[in-house]
Amino acid sequence: MAYRTQSGWSSKYKVNGFVYNGHELNTKIRSLNFDSLKRYFVIFWGIGEVSIIEIDDFYLGGRIIFDLKGFDQRGVGWVISAPHFCF
């Protein structure tokens, strides 16, 4: 995956992440901030460090076949590359 910078896209990184719908995410982190009908790619970087990326593209679940795009809670754009997705 890669994130948007002021000068383009970052290098690609291989990370472990999880896909949750908004209801699952709200339950997991005890929040009401996420839309139950949307999907989110969540990366836990370390204690207290997380990126929550709202997936803009259509995603039904299972293995990601095409790259997905979205924005995190700070408004940073991300591309989740299909070959590097981990379950």
Protein backbone atom coordinates (compact mmCIF):
# COMPACT_ATOMS: atom_id res chain seq x y z
CA MET A 1 0.00 0.00 0.00
CA ALA A 2 1.00 3.61 -0.43
CA TYR A 3 -0.15 6.97 0.85
CA ARG A 4 -0.48 10.37 -0.81
CA THR A 5 2.23 12.96 -0.15
CA GLN A 6 2.53 16.59 -1.28
CA SER A 7 4.77 15.48 -4.14
CA GLY A 8 2.88 12.34 -5.24
CA TRP A 9 2.72 8.84 -3.80
CA SER A 10 4.95 7.30 -1.14
CA SER A 11 6.93 4.13 -1.65
CA LYS A 12 4.82 1.00 -1.33
CA TYR A 13 4.72 -0.72 2.04
CA LYS A 14 3.66 -4.23 2.95
CA VAL A 15 1.46 -4.11 6.06
CA ASN A 16 -1.03 -6.27 7.92
CA GLY A 17 -4.49 -4.80 8.11
CA PHE A 18 -8.09 -5.74 8.69
CA VAL A 19 -11.32 -4.84 6.91
CA TYR A 20 -14.31 -3.98 9.10
CA ASN A 21 -17.70 -2.59 8.32
CA GLY A 22 -18.64 0.53 10.27
CA HIS A 23 -20.76 -1.36 12.80
CA GLU A 24 -17.91 -3.78 13.59
CA LEU A 25 -15.44 -0.91 13.90
CA ASN A 26 -17.73 1.13 16.17
CA THR A 27 -18.18 -1.93 18.41
CA LYS A 28 -14.46 -2.74 18.46
CA ILE A 29 -13.34 0.76 19.46
CA ARG A 30 -16.51 1.78 21.36
CA SER A 31 -17.42 4.61 19.03
CA LEU A 32 -20.32 5.88 16.95
CA ASN A 33 -18.14 7.74 14.43
CA PHE A 34 -18.22 5.23 11.56
CA ASP A 35 -20.97 4.62 9.00
CA SER A 36 -22.38 1.10 9.41
CA LEU A 37 -22.82 0.74 5.64
CA LYS A 38 -19.21 1.55 4.75
CA ARG A 39 -16.03 -0.56 4.87
CA TYR A 40 -12.79 0.44 6.56
CA PHE A 41 -9.24 -0.89 6.21
CA VAL A 42 -7.57 -0.68 9.63
CA ILE A 43 -3.82 -0.80 10.28
CA PHE A 44 -2.59 -1.11 13.86
CA TRP A 45 0.92 0.38 13.82
CA GLY A 46 1.62 0.14 17.54
CA ILE A 47 0.09 0.91 20.91
CA GLY A 48 -2.31 3.80 20.40
CA GLU A 49 -1.33 4.18 16.72
CA VAL A 50 -3.89 3.25 14.11
CA SER A 51 -4.83 4.27 10.58
CA ILE A 52 -8.49 3.86 9.69
CA ILE A 53 -9.00 4.15 5.94
CA GLU A 54 -12.53 4.50 4.61
CA ILE A 55 -12.62 2.43 1.44
CA ASP A 56 -14.08 4.47 -1.42
CA ASP A 57 -14.25 1.59 -3.88
CA PHE A 58 -16.79 -1.22 -4.01
CA TYR A 59 -15.73 -4.12 -1.77
CA LEU A 60 -17.85 -7.19 -0.99
CA GLY A 61 -15.39 -9.01 1.23
CA GLY A 62 -12.80 -11.71 0.80
CA ARG A 63 -9.61 -11.31 -1.18
CA ILE A 64 -8.98 -7.95 -2.79
CA ILE A 65 -8.55 -8.40 -6.53
CA PHE A 66 -8.14 -4.76 -7.59
CA ASP A 67 -6.42 -1.87 -5.82
CA LEU A 68 -8.70 -0.02 -3.41
CA LYS A 69 -8.57 3.71 -2.72
CA GLY A 70 -9.63 5.60 0.37
CA PHE A 71 -8.89 8.31 2.91
CA ASP A 72 -7.84 8.01 6.55
CA GLN A 73 -9.14 9.98 9.53
CA ARG A 74 -6.67 12.83 8.76
CA GLY A 75 -7.76 13.10 5.12
CA VAL A 76 -4.64 11.41 3.71
CA GLY A 77 -5.28 9.41 0.53
CA TRP A 78 -4.26 5.73 0.43
CA VAL A 79 -4.06 2.97 -2.16
CA ILE A 80 -4.39 -0.58 -0.88
CA SER A 81 -2.65 -2.79 -3.42
CA ALA A 82 -4.26 -6.14 -4.09
CA PRO A 83 -1.11 -8.34 -3.97
CA HIS A 84 -0.09 -7.04 -0.54
CA PHE A 85 -3.40 -7.45 1.32
CA CYS A 86 -3.23 -9.70 4.40
CA PHE A 87 -6.16 -11.31 6.20
